[in-house]
Amino acid sequence: MTKYTDTERTIRKLRVTATESHVVGSGGIVRIEAVSRPGLHCDIPYLAVWSDAGLIADYCRHHVLGVVYETGA
């Protein structure tokens, strides 16, 4: 199982709902990365979506349907 805090692989696509997804290179999105935010008792894994203007969205992992990583090909 892949940890959502896995920073070794580059995320290409983030699926949030059946109709909403974020893709690097589309809609001004330049990067999607695994980050953590401080919680009450521990750090909580999030996925952050970045554009040239800055952070445009972040999602806690239980709000994400899927993550697609770069294949390296």
N, C-alpha and C. Protein backbone atom coordinates (compact mmCIF):
# COMPACT_ATOMS: atom_id res chain seq x y z
N MET A 1 0.84 -1.18 0.00
CA MET A 1 0.00 0.00 0.00
C MET A 1 0.88 1.24 0.00
N THR A 2 0.57 2.20 -0.84
CA THR A 2 1.34 3.43 -0.93
C THR A 2 0.90 4.41 0.15
N LYS A 3 1.86 4.98 0.83
CA LYS A 3 1.54 6.00 1.82
C LYS A 3 1.25 7.31 1.10
N TYR A 4 0.29 8.08 1.58
CA TYR A 4 -0.03 9.35 0.96
C TYR A 4 1.06 10.39 1.24
N THR A 5 1.96 10.09 2.14
CA THR A 5 3.07 11.00 2.39
C THR A 5 4.30 10.57 1.59
N ASP A 6 4.11 9.69 0.62
CA ASP A 6 5.19 9.22 -0.25
C ASP A 6 5.68 10.39 -1.10
N THR A 7 6.90 10.82 -0.87
CA THR A 7 7.45 11.95 -1.62
C THR A 7 8.47 11.50 -2.65
N GLU A 8 8.65 10.21 -2.80
CA GLU A 8 9.63 9.70 -3.76
C GLU A 8 9.09 9.70 -5.18
N ARG A 9 7.80 9.66 -5.37
CA ARG A 9 7.20 9.59 -6.70
C ARG A 9 6.44 10.87 -7.02
N THR A 10 6.43 11.24 -8.29
CA THR A 10 5.76 12.45 -8.74
C THR A 10 4.29 12.14 -9.06
N ILE A 11 3.39 12.93 -8.50
CA ILE A 11 1.96 12.75 -8.74
C ILE A 11 1.58 13.49 -10.02
N ARG A 12 0.89 12.79 -10.92
CA ARG A 12 0.46 13.38 -12.19
C ARG A 12 -1.01 13.80 -12.15
N LYS A 13 -1.86 13.02 -11.46
CA LYS A 13 -3.30 13.28 -11.47
C LYS A 13 -3.89 12.94 -10.11
N LEU A 14 -4.86 13.75 -9.71
CA LEU A 14 -5.56 13.55 -8.45
C LEU A 14 -7.06 13.53 -8.74
N ARG A 15 -7.71 12.41 -8.44
CA ARG A 15 -9.16 12.28 -8.66
C ARG A 15 -9.85 12.52 -7.33
N VAL A 16 -10.74 13.55 -7.29
CA VAL A 16 -11.41 13.92 -6.04
C VAL A 16 -12.83 13.39 -6.00
N THR A 17 -13.57 13.57 -7.08
CA THR A 17 -14.93 13.02 -7.19
C THR A 17 -15.06 12.39 -8.57
N ALA A 18 -16.24 11.88 -8.87
CA ALA A 18 -16.47 11.27 -10.19
C ALA A 18 -16.33 12.29 -11.31
N THR A 19 -16.55 13.57 -11.00
CA THR A 19 -16.49 14.60 -12.05
C THR A 19 -15.37 15.61 -11.84
N GLU A 20 -14.65 15.55 -10.73
CA GLU A 20 -13.61 16.53 -10.44
C GLU A 20 -12.25 15.86 -10.29
N SER A 21 -11.30 16.34 -11.08
CA SER A 21 -9.93 15.86 -10.94
C SER A 21 -8.98 17.00 -11.27
N HIS A 22 -7.74 16.86 -10.82
CA HIS A 22 -6.70 17.84 -11.07
C HIS A 22 -5.56 17.12 -11.78
N VAL A 23 -5.10 17.69 -12.91
CA VAL A 23 -4.03 17.08 -13.70
C VAL A 23 -2.92 18.10 -13.88
N VAL A 24 -1.69 17.68 -13.60
CA VAL A 24 -0.55 18.57 -13.80
C VAL A 24 -0.44 18.91 -15.28
N GLY A 25 -0.30 20.20 -15.58
CA GLY A 25 -0.21 20.66 -16.96
C GLY A 25 -1.55 21.09 -17.54
N SER A 26 -2.62 20.92 -16.80
CA SER A 26 -3.96 21.29 -17.26
C SER A 26 -4.56 22.31 -16.30
N GLY A 27 -5.17 23.34 -16.85
CA GLY A 27 -5.84 24.34 -16.02
C GLY A 27 -4.88 25.15 -15.15
N GLY A 28 -3.64 25.27 -15.58
CA GLY A 28 -2.68 26.05 -14.81
C GLY A 28 -2.03 25.32 -13.66
N ILE A 29 -2.31 24.03 -13.49
CA ILE A 29 -1.74 23.26 -12.39
C ILE A 29 -0.30 22.90 -12.72
N VAL A 30 0.61 23.24 -11.82
CA VAL A 30 2.03 22.97 -12.04
C VAL A 30 2.57 21.85 -11.17
N ARG A 31 1.90 21.54 -10.07
CA ARG A 31 2.42 20.52 -9.16
C ARG A 31 1.31 20.00 -8.25
N ILE A 32 1.35 18.71 -7.98
CA ILE A 32 0.52 18.08 -6.94
C ILE A 32 1.49 17.35 -6.03
N GLU A 33 1.39 17.60 -4.74
CA GLU A 33 2.35 16.98 -3.84
C GLU A 33 1.70 16.49 -2.56
N ALA A 34 2.32 15.47 -1.98
CA ALA A 34 1.90 14.96 -0.68
C ALA A 34 2.50 15.84 0.40
N VAL A 35 1.66 16.32 1.31
CA VAL A 35 2.10 17.16 2.42
C VAL A 35 1.43 16.67 3.69
N SER A 36 1.79 17.24 4.81
CA SER A 36 1.09 16.90 6.05
C SER A 36 0.75 18.20 6.77
N ARG A 37 -0.36 18.16 7.48
CA ARG A 37 -0.82 19.30 8.27
C ARG A 37 -0.91 18.83 9.72
N PRO A 38 -0.57 19.70 10.66
CA PRO A 38 -0.64 19.28 12.06
C PRO A 38 -2.09 19.05 12.51
N GLY A 39 -2.31 17.92 13.15
CA GLY A 39 -3.61 17.61 13.73
C GLY A 39 -3.52 17.70 15.24
N LEU A 40 -4.58 17.34 15.90
CA LEU A 40 -4.62 17.41 17.36
C LEU A 40 -3.59 16.48 18.00
N HIS A 41 -3.47 15.25 17.49
CA HIS A 41 -2.56 14.27 18.09
C HIS A 41 -1.45 13.81 17.15
N CYS A 42 -1.55 14.12 15.86
CA CYS A 42 -0.53 13.68 14.91
C CYS A 42 -0.65 14.49 13.62
N ASP A 43 0.33 14.33 12.74
CA ASP A 43 0.24 14.97 11.43
C ASP A 43 -0.77 14.24 10.57
N ILE A 44 -1.53 14.99 9.78
CA ILE A 44 -2.57 14.42 8.92
C ILE A 44 -2.11 14.56 7.47
N PRO A 45 -2.09 13.46 6.70
CA PRO A 45 -1.64 13.53 5.32
C PRO A 45 -2.66 14.24 4.42
N TYR A 46 -2.17 15.15 3.62
CA TYR A 46 -2.96 15.89 2.65
C TYR A 46 -2.30 15.82 1.30
N LEU A 47 -3.05 16.13 0.26
CA LEU A 47 -2.52 16.30 -1.08
C LEU A 47 -2.79 17.74 -1.49
N ALA A 48 -1.74 18.47 -1.86
CA ALA A 48 -1.85 19.89 -2.20
C ALA A 48 -1.73 20.07 -3.71
N VAL A 49 -2.58 20.94 -4.27
CA VAL A 49 -2.59 21.24 -5.70
C VAL A 49 -2.11 22.67 -5.87
N TRP A 50 -1.04 22.84 -6.67
CA TRP A 50 -0.40 24.14 -6.85
C TRP A 50 -0.52 24.65 -8.27
N SER A 51 -0.71 25.97 -8.42
CA SER A 51 -0.63 26.65 -9.71
C SER A 51 0.46 27.70 -9.60
N ASP A 52 0.69 28.44 -10.67
CA ASP A 52 1.68 29.52 -10.62
C ASP A 52 1.32 30.56 -9.56
N ALA A 53 0.03 30.72 -9.30
CA ALA A 53 -0.45 31.71 -8.33
C ALA A 53 -0.33 31.23 -6.88
N GLY A 54 -0.07 29.95 -6.67
CA GLY A 54 0.04 29.41 -5.33
C GLY A 54 -0.86 28.21 -5.12
N LEU A 55 -1.12 27.90 -3.86
CA LEU A 55 -1.96 26.76 -3.49
C LEU A 55 -3.41 27.04 -3.91
N ILE A 56 -3.98 26.14 -4.72
CA ILE A 56 -5.37 26.34 -5.14
C ILE A 56 -6.33 25.36 -4.48
N ALA A 57 -5.81 24.24 -3.97
CA ALA A 57 -6.67 23.28 -3.28
C ALA A 57 -5.81 22.32 -2.48
N ASP A 58 -6.37 21.82 -1.38
CA ASP A 58 -5.73 20.72 -0.67
C ASP A 58 -6.82 19.81 -0.12
N TYR A 59 -6.50 18.52 -0.11
CA TYR A 59 -7.49 17.51 0.25
C TYR A 59 -6.91 16.55 1.27
N CYS A 60 -7.66 16.28 2.31
CA CYS A 60 -7.30 15.23 3.24
C CYS A 60 -7.47 13.90 2.50
N ARG A 61 -6.68 12.90 2.85
CA ARG A 61 -6.67 11.68 2.04
C ARG A 61 -8.00 10.95 1.98
N HIS A 62 -8.87 11.10 2.99
CA HIS A 62 -10.15 10.39 2.92
C HIS A 62 -11.14 11.09 1.99
N HIS A 63 -10.78 12.24 1.43
CA HIS A 63 -11.61 12.92 0.44
C HIS A 63 -11.13 12.68 -0.99
N VAL A 64 -10.17 11.80 -1.17
CA VAL A 64 -9.57 11.54 -2.48
C VAL A 64 -9.96 10.15 -2.97
N LEU A 65 -10.41 10.08 -4.22
CA LEU A 65 -10.75 8.78 -4.80
C LEU A 65 -9.55 8.05 -5.36
N GLY A 66 -8.58 8.81 -5.91
CA GLY A 66 -7.43 8.13 -6.49
C GLY A 66 -6.29 9.08 -6.82
N VAL A 67 -5.10 8.49 -6.92
CA VAL A 67 -3.89 9.23 -7.25
C VAL A 67 -3.19 8.48 -8.38
N VAL A 68 -2.77 9.21 -9.42
CA VAL A 68 -2.03 8.63 -10.53
C VAL A 68 -0.62 9.22 -10.49
N TYR A 69 0.38 8.34 -10.50
CA TYR A 69 1.77 8.76 -10.43
C TYR A 69 2.39 8.74 -11.83
N GLU A 70 3.46 9.50 -12.00
CA GLU A 70 4.25 9.45 -13.23
C GLU A 70 4.82 8.05 -13.37
N THR A 71 4.90 7.58 -14.60
CA THR A 71 5.40 6.22 -14.82
C THR A 71 6.90 6.19 -15.04
N GLY A 72 7.50 7.32 -15.38
CA GLY A 72 8.93 7.36 -15.62
C GLY A 72 9.30 6.95 -17.02
N ALA A 73 8.32 6.74 -17.88
CA ALA A 73 8.59 6.33 -19.26
C ALA A 73 8.88 7.50 -20.15
